[in-house]
Amino acid sequence: PGPNVLNTMATAIGSGRRAGIGSALAVGVGLGLWC
């Protein structure tokens, strides 16, 4: 549990699955940039 996980969950609950998937895609991009 952390900011990214809670944000993805909250987005999926409040804005639907498609928005949640958009949030998940951003996590992948962010990890690549950090790496």
ModelCIF file with pLDDT and N, C-alpha, C, O atoms, coordinates in Angstrom:
data_MODEL
#
_entry.id   MODEL 
#
_entity.id                         1 
_entity.type                       polymer 
_entity.pdbx_number_of_molecules   1 
#
_entity_poly.entity_id                      1 
_entity_poly.type                           'polypeptide(L)' 
_entity_poly.nstd_linkage                   no 
_entity_poly.nstd_monomer                   no 
_entity_poly.pdbx_seq_one_letter_code       PGPNVLNTMATAIGSGRRAGIGSALAVGVGLGLWC 
_entity_poly.pdbx_seq_one_letter_code_can   PGPNVLNTMATAIGSGRRAGIGSALAVGVGLGLWC 
_entity_poly.pdbx_strand_id                 A 
#
loop_
_entity_poly_seq.entity_id 
_entity_poly_seq.num 
_entity_poly_seq.mon_id 
_entity_poly_seq.hetero 
1 1  PRO n 
1 2  GLY n 
1 3  PRO n 
1 4  ASN n 
1 5  VAL n 
1 6  LEU n 
1 7  ASN n 
1 8  THR n 
1 9  MET n 
1 10 ALA n 
1 11 THR n 
1 12 ALA n 
1 13 ILE n 
1 14 GLY n 
1 15 SER n 
1 16 GLY n 
1 17 ARG n 
1 18 ARG n 
1 19 ALA n 
1 20 GLY n 
1 21 ILE n 
1 22 GLY n 
1 23 SER n 
1 24 ALA n 
1 25 LEU n 
1 26 ALA n 
1 27 VAL n 
1 28 GLY n 
1 29 VAL n 
1 30 GLY n 
1 31 LEU n 
1 32 GLY n 
1 33 LEU n 
1 34 TRP n 
1 35 CYS n 
#
_struct_asym.id          A 
_struct_asym.entity_id   1 
#
loop_
_ma_qa_metric.id 
_ma_qa_metric.mode 
_ma_qa_metric.name 
_ma_qa_metric.software_group_id 
_ma_qa_metric.type 
1 global pLDDT . pLDDT 
2 local  pLDDT . pLDDT 
#
_ma_qa_metric_global.metric_id      1 
_ma_qa_metric_global.metric_value   86.89 
_ma_qa_metric_global.model_id       1 
_ma_qa_metric_global.ordinal_id     1 
#
loop_
_ma_qa_metric_local.label_asym_id 
_ma_qa_metric_local.label_comp_id 
_ma_qa_metric_local.label_seq_id 
_ma_qa_metric_local.metric_id 
_ma_qa_metric_local.metric_value 
_ma_qa_metric_local.model_id 
_ma_qa_metric_local.ordinal_id 
A PRO 1  2 72.00 1 1  
A GLY 2  2 74.00 1 2  
A PRO 3  2 74.00 1 3  
A ASN 4  2 83.00 1 4  
A VAL 5  2 84.00 1 5  
A LEU 6  2 78.00 1 6  
A ASN 7  2 83.00 1 7  
A THR 8  2 88.00 1 8  
A MET 9  2 83.00 1 9  
A ALA 10 2 78.00 1 10 
A THR 11 2 85.00 1 11 
A ALA 12 2 87.00 1 12 
A ILE 13 2 81.00 1 13 
A GLY 14 2 77.00 1 14 
A SER 15 2 84.00 1 15 
A GLY 16 2 85.00 1 16 
A ARG 17 2 89.00 1 17 
A ARG 18 2 92.00 1 18 
A ALA 19 2 92.00 1 19 
A GLY 20 2 91.00 1 20 
A ILE 21 2 95.00 1 21 
A GLY 22 2 95.00 1 22 
A SER 23 2 94.00 1 23 
A ALA 24 2 95.00 1 24 
A LEU 25 2 96.00 1 25 
A ALA 26 2 95.00 1 26 
A VAL 27 2 93.00 1 27 
A GLY 28 2 93.00 1 28 
A VAL 29 2 94.00 1 29 
A GLY 30 2 91.00 1 30 
A LEU 31 2 91.00 1 31 
A GLY 32 2 89.00 1 32 
A LEU 33 2 88.00 1 33 
A TRP 34 2 86.00 1 34 
A CYS 35 2 86.00 1 35 
#
loop_
_atom_site.group_PDB 
_atom_site.id 
_atom_site.type_symbol 
_atom_site.label_atom_id 
_atom_site.label_alt_id 
_atom_site.label_comp_id 
_atom_site.label_asym_id 
_atom_site.label_entity_id 
_atom_site.label_seq_id 
_atom_site.pdbx_PDB_ins_code 
_atom_site.Cartn_x 
_atom_site.Cartn_y 
_atom_site.Cartn_z 
_atom_site.occupancy 
_atom_site.B_iso_or_equiv 
_atom_site.pdbx_formal_charge 
_atom_site.auth_seq_id 
_atom_site.auth_comp_id 
_atom_site.auth_asym_id 
_atom_site.auth_atom_id 
_atom_site.pdbx_PDB_model_num 
ATOM 1   N N  . PRO A 1 1  ? 0.822   -1.217 0.000   1.00 72.00 ? 1  PRO A N  1 
ATOM 2   C CA . PRO A 1 1  ? 0.000   0.000  0.000   1.00 72.00 ? 1  PRO A CA 1 
ATOM 3   C C  . PRO A 1 1  ? 0.854   1.263  0.000   1.00 72.00 ? 1  PRO A C  1 
ATOM 4   O O  . PRO A 1 1  ? 1.811   1.374  0.766   1.00 72.00 ? 1  PRO A O  1 
ATOM 5   N N  . GLY A 1 2  ? 0.510   2.192  -0.843  1.00 74.00 ? 2  GLY A N  1 
ATOM 6   C CA . GLY A 1 2  ? 1.261   3.449  -0.952  1.00 74.00 ? 2  GLY A CA 1 
ATOM 7   C C  . GLY A 1 2  ? 0.511   4.405  -1.862  1.00 74.00 ? 2  GLY A C  1 
ATOM 8   O O  . GLY A 1 2  ? -0.577  4.077  -2.336  1.00 74.00 ? 2  GLY A O  1 
ATOM 9   N N  . PRO A 1 3  ? 1.075   5.593  -2.116  1.00 74.00 ? 3  PRO A N  1 
ATOM 10  C CA . PRO A 1 3  ? 0.369   6.599  -2.924  1.00 74.00 ? 3  PRO A CA 1 
ATOM 11  C C  . PRO A 1 3  ? -0.033  6.102  -4.303  1.00 74.00 ? 3  PRO A C  1 
ATOM 12  O O  . PRO A 1 3  ? -1.155  6.352  -4.743  1.00 74.00 ? 3  PRO A O  1 
ATOM 13  N N  . ASN A 1 4  ? 0.869   5.397  -4.999  1.00 83.00 ? 4  ASN A N  1 
ATOM 14  C CA . ASN A 1 4  ? 0.552   4.941  -6.355  1.00 83.00 ? 4  ASN A CA 1 
ATOM 15  C C  . ASN A 1 4  ? -0.571  3.902  -6.357  1.00 83.00 ? 4  ASN A C  1 
ATOM 16  O O  . ASN A 1 4  ? -1.490  3.965  -7.174  1.00 83.00 ? 4  ASN A O  1 
ATOM 17  N N  . VAL A 1 5  ? -0.479  2.953  -5.434  1.00 84.00 ? 5  VAL A N  1 
ATOM 18  C CA . VAL A 1 5  ? -1.502  1.907  -5.359  1.00 84.00 ? 5  VAL A CA 1 
ATOM 19  C C  . VAL A 1 5  ? -2.861  2.512  -5.019  1.00 84.00 ? 5  VAL A C  1 
ATOM 20  O O  . VAL A 1 5  ? -3.861  2.213  -5.671  1.00 84.00 ? 5  VAL A O  1 
ATOM 21  N N  . LEU A 1 6  ? -2.891  3.359  -4.002  1.00 78.00 ? 6  LEU A N  1 
ATOM 22  C CA . LEU A 1 6  ? -4.157  3.965  -3.593  1.00 78.00 ? 6  LEU A CA 1 
ATOM 23  C C  . LEU A 1 6  ? -4.736  4.843  -4.697  1.00 78.00 ? 6  LEU A C  1 
ATOM 24  O O  . LEU A 1 6  ? -5.953  4.904  -4.871  1.00 78.00 ? 6  LEU A O  1 
ATOM 25  N N  . ASN A 1 7  ? -3.868  5.523  -5.440  1.00 83.00 ? 7  ASN A N  1 
ATOM 26  C CA . ASN A 1 7  ? -4.360  6.360  -6.542  1.00 83.00 ? 7  ASN A CA 1 
ATOM 27  C C  . ASN A 1 7  ? -4.980  5.511  -7.643  1.00 83.00 ? 7  ASN A C  1 
ATOM 28  O O  . ASN A 1 7  ? -6.049  5.848  -8.154  1.00 83.00 ? 7  ASN A O  1 
ATOM 29  N N  . THR A 1 8  ? -4.323  4.411  -8.018  1.00 88.00 ? 8  THR A N  1 
ATOM 30  C CA . THR A 1 8  ? -4.876  3.536  -9.056  1.00 88.00 ? 8  THR A CA 1 
ATOM 31  C C  . THR A 1 8  ? -6.217  2.961  -8.627  1.00 88.00 ? 8  THR A C  1 
ATOM 32  O O  . THR A 1 8  ? -7.163  2.915  -9.414  1.00 88.00 ? 8  THR A O  1 
ATOM 33  N N  . MET A 1 9  ? -6.293  2.518  -7.363  1.00 83.00 ? 9  MET A N  1 
ATOM 34  C CA . MET A 1 9  ? -7.547  1.958  -6.860  1.00 83.00 ? 9  MET A CA 1 
ATOM 35  C C  . MET A 1 9  ? -8.651  3.010  -6.833  1.00 83.00 ? 9  MET A C  1 
ATOM 36  O O  . MET A 1 9  ? -9.771  2.758  -7.277  1.00 83.00 ? 9  MET A O  1 
ATOM 37  N N  . ALA A 1 10 ? -8.322  4.201  -6.303  1.00 78.00 ? 10 ALA A N  1 
ATOM 38  C CA . ALA A 1 10 ? -9.324  5.257  -6.202  1.00 78.00 ? 10 ALA A CA 1 
ATOM 39  C C  . ALA A 1 10 ? -9.805  5.703  -7.580  1.00 78.00 ? 10 ALA A C  1 
ATOM 40  O O  . ALA A 1 10 ? -10.986 5.999  -7.765  1.00 78.00 ? 10 ALA A O  1 
ATOM 41  N N  . THR A 1 11 ? -8.891  5.750  -8.542  1.00 85.00 ? 11 THR A N  1 
ATOM 42  C CA . THR A 1 11 ? -9.264  6.134  -9.911  1.00 85.00 ? 11 THR A CA 1 
ATOM 43  C C  . THR A 1 11 ? -10.193 5.100  -10.529 1.00 85.00 ? 11 THR A C  1 
ATOM 44  O O  . THR A 1 11 ? -11.186 5.448  -11.168 1.00 85.00 ? 11 THR A O  1 
ATOM 45  N N  . ALA A 1 12 ? -9.863  3.822  -10.335 1.00 87.00 ? 12 ALA A N  1 
ATOM 46  C CA . ALA A 1 12 ? -10.695 2.755  -10.893 1.00 87.00 ? 12 ALA A CA 1 
ATOM 47  C C  . ALA A 1 12 ? -12.084 2.755  -10.272 1.00 87.00 ? 12 ALA A C  1 
ATOM 48  O O  . ALA A 1 12 ? -13.078 2.540  -10.966 1.00 87.00 ? 12 ALA A O  1 
ATOM 49  N N  . ILE A 1 13 ? -12.154 2.998  -8.965  1.00 81.00 ? 13 ILE A N  1 
ATOM 50  C CA . ILE A 1 13 ? -13.450 3.006  -8.284  1.00 81.00 ? 13 ILE A CA 1 
ATOM 51  C C  . ILE A 1 13 ? -14.284 4.213  -8.700  1.00 81.00 ? 13 ILE A C  1 
ATOM 52  O O  . ILE A 1 13 ? -15.474 4.083  -8.986  1.00 81.00 ? 13 ILE A O  1 
ATOM 53  N N  . GLY A 1 14 ? -13.648 5.397  -8.734  1.00 77.00 ? 14 GLY A N  1 
ATOM 54  C CA . GLY A 1 14 ? -14.395 6.622  -8.974  1.00 77.00 ? 14 GLY A CA 1 
ATOM 55  C C  . GLY A 1 14 ? -14.636 6.956  -10.426 1.00 77.00 ? 14 GLY A C  1 
ATOM 56  O O  . GLY A 1 14 ? -15.650 7.570  -10.759 1.00 77.00 ? 14 GLY A O  1 
ATOM 57  N N  . SER A 1 15 ? -13.710 6.558  -11.309 1.00 84.00 ? 15 SER A N  1 
ATOM 58  C CA . SER A 1 15 ? -13.812 6.968  -12.718 1.00 84.00 ? 15 SER A CA 1 
ATOM 59  C C  . SER A 1 15 ? -13.941 5.793  -13.680 1.00 84.00 ? 15 SER A C  1 
ATOM 60  O O  . SER A 1 15 ? -14.039 5.990  -14.891 1.00 84.00 ? 15 SER A O  1 
ATOM 61  N N  . GLY A 1 16 ? -13.943 4.585  -13.153 1.00 85.00 ? 16 GLY A N  1 
ATOM 62  C CA . GLY A 1 16 ? -14.156 3.432  -14.019 1.00 85.00 ? 16 GLY A CA 1 
ATOM 63  C C  . GLY A 1 16 ? -12.863 2.722  -14.397 1.00 85.00 ? 16 GLY A C  1 
ATOM 64  O O  . GLY A 1 16 ? -11.758 3.207  -14.155 1.00 85.00 ? 16 GLY A O  1 
ATOM 65  N N  . ARG A 1 17 ? -13.045 1.565  -14.996 1.00 89.00 ? 17 ARG A N  1 
ATOM 66  C CA . ARG A 1 17 ? -11.915 0.694  -15.315 1.00 89.00 ? 17 ARG A CA 1 
ATOM 67  C C  . ARG A 1 17 ? -10.964 1.301  -16.335 1.00 89.00 ? 17 ARG A C  1 
ATOM 68  O O  . ARG A 1 17 ? -9.749  1.150  -16.215 1.00 89.00 ? 17 ARG A O  1 
ATOM 69  N N  . ARG A 1 18 ? -11.508 1.993  -17.345 1.00 92.00 ? 18 ARG A N  1 
ATOM 70  C CA . ARG A 1 18 ? -10.641 2.569  -18.375 1.00 92.00 ? 18 ARG A CA 1 
ATOM 71  C C  . ARG A 1 18 ? -9.697  3.612  -17.776 1.00 92.00 ? 18 ARG A C  1 
ATOM 72  O O  . ARG A 1 18 ? -8.508  3.629  -18.094 1.00 92.00 ? 18 ARG A O  1 
ATOM 73  N N  . ALA A 1 19 ? -10.221 4.477  -16.913 1.00 92.00 ? 19 ALA A N  1 
ATOM 74  C CA . ALA A 1 19 ? -9.370  5.473  -16.261 1.00 92.00 ? 19 ALA A CA 1 
ATOM 75  C C  . ALA A 1 19 ? -8.344  4.788  -15.360 1.00 92.00 ? 19 ALA A C  1 
ATOM 76  O O  . ALA A 1 19 ? -7.200  5.233  -15.268 1.00 92.00 ? 19 ALA A O  1 
ATOM 77  N N  . GLY A 1 20 ? -8.755  3.699  -14.693 1.00 91.00 ? 20 GLY A N  1 
ATOM 78  C CA . GLY A 1 20 ? -7.827  2.940  -13.862 1.00 91.00 ? 20 GLY A CA 1 
ATOM 79  C C  . GLY A 1 20 ? -6.695  2.348  -14.680 1.00 91.00 ? 20 GLY A C  1 
ATOM 80  O O  . GLY A 1 20 ? -5.548  2.317  -14.235 1.00 91.00 ? 20 GLY A O  1 
ATOM 81  N N  . ILE A 1 21 ? -7.018  1.879  -15.880 1.00 95.00 ? 21 ILE A N  1 
ATOM 82  C CA . ILE A 1 21 ? -5.984  1.340  -16.768 1.00 95.00 ? 21 ILE A CA 1 
ATOM 83  C C  . ILE A 1 21 ? -5.048  2.457  -17.220 1.00 95.00 ? 21 ILE A C  1 
ATOM 84  O O  . ILE A 1 21 ? -3.841  2.245  -17.336 1.00 95.00 ? 21 ILE A O  1 
ATOM 85  N N  . GLY A 1 22 ? -5.595  3.641  -17.476 1.00 95.00 ? 22 GLY A N  1 
ATOM 86  C CA . GLY A 1 22 ? -4.738  4.787  -17.812 1.00 95.00 ? 22 GLY A CA 1 
ATOM 87  C C  . GLY A 1 22 ? -3.770  5.106  -16.687 1.00 95.00 ? 22 GLY A C  1 
ATOM 88  O O  . GLY A 1 22 ? -2.609  5.436  -16.930 1.00 95.00 ? 22 GLY A O  1 
ATOM 89  N N  . SER A 1 23 ? -4.250  5.009  -15.461 1.00 94.00 ? 23 SER A N  1 
ATOM 90  C CA . SER A 1 23 ? -3.391  5.223  -14.298 1.00 94.00 ? 23 SER A CA 1 
ATOM 91  C C  . SER A 1 23 ? -2.296  4.165  -14.231 1.00 94.00 ? 23 SER A C  1 
ATOM 92  O O  . SER A 1 23 ? -1.145  4.480  -13.930 1.00 94.00 ? 23 SER A O  1 
ATOM 93  N N  . ALA A 1 24 ? -2.646  2.918  -14.507 1.00 95.00 ? 24 ALA A N  1 
ATOM 94  C CA . ALA A 1 24 ? -1.662  1.828  -14.486 1.00 95.00 ? 24 ALA A CA 1 
ATOM 95  C C  . ALA A 1 24 ? -0.591  2.014  -15.550 1.00 95.00 ? 24 ALA A C  1 
ATOM 96  O O  . ALA A 1 24 ? 0.586   1.755  -15.300 1.00 95.00 ? 24 ALA A O  1 
ATOM 97  N N  . LEU A 1 25 ? -0.993  2.462  -16.736 1.00 96.00 ? 25 LEU A N  1 
ATOM 98  C CA . LEU A 1 25 ? -0.024  2.720  -17.808 1.00 96.00 ? 25 LEU A CA 1 
ATOM 99  C C  . LEU A 1 25 ? 0.991   3.781  -17.383 1.00 96.00 ? 25 LEU A C  1 
ATOM 100 O O  . LEU A 1 25 ? 2.178   3.672  -17.690 1.00 96.00 ? 25 LEU A O  1 
ATOM 101 N N  . ALA A 1 26 ? 0.516   4.801  -16.678 1.00 95.00 ? 26 ALA A N  1 
ATOM 102 C CA . ALA A 1 26 ? 1.411   5.858  -16.222 1.00 95.00 ? 26 ALA A CA 1 
ATOM 103 C C  . ALA A 1 26 ? 2.422   5.344  -15.205 1.00 95.00 ? 26 ALA A C  1 
ATOM 104 O O  . ALA A 1 26 ? 3.564   5.801  -15.177 1.00 95.00 ? 26 ALA A O  1 
ATOM 105 N N  . VAL A 1 27 ? 2.006   4.401  -14.377 1.00 93.00 ? 27 VAL A N  1 
ATOM 106 C CA . VAL A 1 27 ? 2.939   3.810  -13.407 1.00 93.00 ? 27 VAL A CA 1 
ATOM 107 C C  . VAL A 1 27 ? 4.076   3.104  -14.138 1.00 93.00 ? 27 VAL A C  1 
ATOM 108 O O  . VAL A 1 27 ? 5.239   3.236  -13.757 1.00 93.00 ? 27 VAL A O  1 
ATOM 109 N N  . GLY A 1 28 ? 3.740   2.353  -15.189 1.00 93.00 ? 28 GLY A N  1 
ATOM 110 C CA . GLY A 1 28 ? 4.769   1.686  -15.974 1.00 93.00 ? 28 GLY A CA 1 
ATOM 111 C C  . GLY A 1 28 ? 5.741   2.671  -16.603 1.00 93.00 ? 28 GLY A C  1 
ATOM 112 O O  . GLY A 1 28 ? 6.953   2.460  -16.568 1.00 93.00 ? 28 GLY A O  1 
ATOM 113 N N  . VAL A 1 29 ? 5.214   3.748  -17.180 1.00 94.00 ? 29 VAL A N  1 
ATOM 114 C CA . VAL A 1 29 ? 6.076   4.773  -17.785 1.00 94.00 ? 29 VAL A CA 1 
ATOM 115 C C  . VAL A 1 29 ? 6.953   5.430  -16.725 1.00 94.00 ? 29 VAL A C  1 
ATOM 116 O O  . VAL A 1 29 ? 8.145   5.645  -16.948 1.00 94.00 ? 29 VAL A O  1 
ATOM 117 N N  . GLY A 1 30 ? 6.367   5.747  -15.577 1.00 91.00 ? 30 GLY A N  1 
ATOM 118 C CA . GLY A 1 30 ? 7.120   6.378  -14.504 1.00 91.00 ? 30 GLY A CA 1 
ATOM 119 C C  . GLY A 1 30 ? 8.252   5.505  -14.001 1.00 91.00 ? 30 GLY A C  1 
ATOM 120 O O  . GLY A 1 30 ? 9.345   6.000  -13.725 1.00 91.00 ? 30 GLY A O  1 
ATOM 121 N N  . LEU A 1 31 ? 8.002   4.215  -13.880 1.00 91.00 ? 31 LEU A N  1 
ATOM 122 C CA . LEU A 1 31 ? 9.049   3.288  -13.444 1.00 91.00 ? 31 LEU A CA 1 
ATOM 123 C C  . LEU A 1 31 ? 10.190  3.249  -14.450 1.00 91.00 ? 31 LEU A C  1 
ATOM 124 O O  . LEU A 1 31 ? 11.359  3.199  -14.068 1.00 91.00 ? 31 LEU A O  1 
ATOM 125 N N  . GLY A 1 32 ? 9.850   3.272  -15.738 1.00 89.00 ? 32 GLY A N  1 
ATOM 126 C CA . GLY A 1 32 ? 10.893  3.282  -16.756 1.00 89.00 ? 32 GLY A CA 1 
ATOM 127 C C  . GLY A 1 32 ? 11.751  4.533  -16.677 1.00 89.00 ? 32 GLY A C  1 
ATOM 128 O O  . GLY A 1 32 ? 12.972  4.466  -16.820 1.00 89.00 ? 32 GLY A O  1 
ATOM 129 N N  . LEU A 1 33 ? 11.106  5.687  -16.446 1.00 88.00 ? 33 LEU A N  1 
ATOM 130 C CA . LEU A 1 33 ? 11.842  6.942  -16.332 1.00 88.00 ? 33 LEU A CA 1 
ATOM 131 C C  . LEU A 1 33 ? 12.760  6.939  -15.105 1.00 88.00 ? 33 LEU A C  1 
ATOM 132 O O  . LEU A 1 33 ? 13.914  7.360  -15.184 1.00 88.00 ? 33 LEU A O  1 
ATOM 133 N N  . TRP A 1 34 ? 12.241  6.462  -13.976 1.00 86.00 ? 34 TRP A N  1 
ATOM 134 C CA . TRP A 1 34 ? 13.055  6.385  -12.760 1.00 86.00 ? 34 TRP A CA 1 
ATOM 135 C C  . TRP A 1 34 ? 14.237  5.450  -12.965 1.00 86.00 ? 34 TRP A C  1 
ATOM 136 O O  . TRP A 1 34 ? 15.358  5.761  -12.563 1.00 86.00 ? 34 TRP A O  1 
ATOM 137 N N  . CYS A 1 35 ? 13.988  4.304  -13.591 1.00 86.00 ? 35 CYS A N  1 
ATOM 138 C CA . CYS A 1 35 ? 15.044  3.315  -13.789 1.00 86.00 ? 35 CYS A CA 1 
ATOM 139 C C  . CYS A 1 35 ? 16.165  3.872  -14.655 1.00 86.00 ? 35 CYS A C  1 
ATOM 140 O O  . CYS A 1 35 ? 17.142  3.173  -14.926 1.00 86.00 ? 35 CYS A O  1 
#
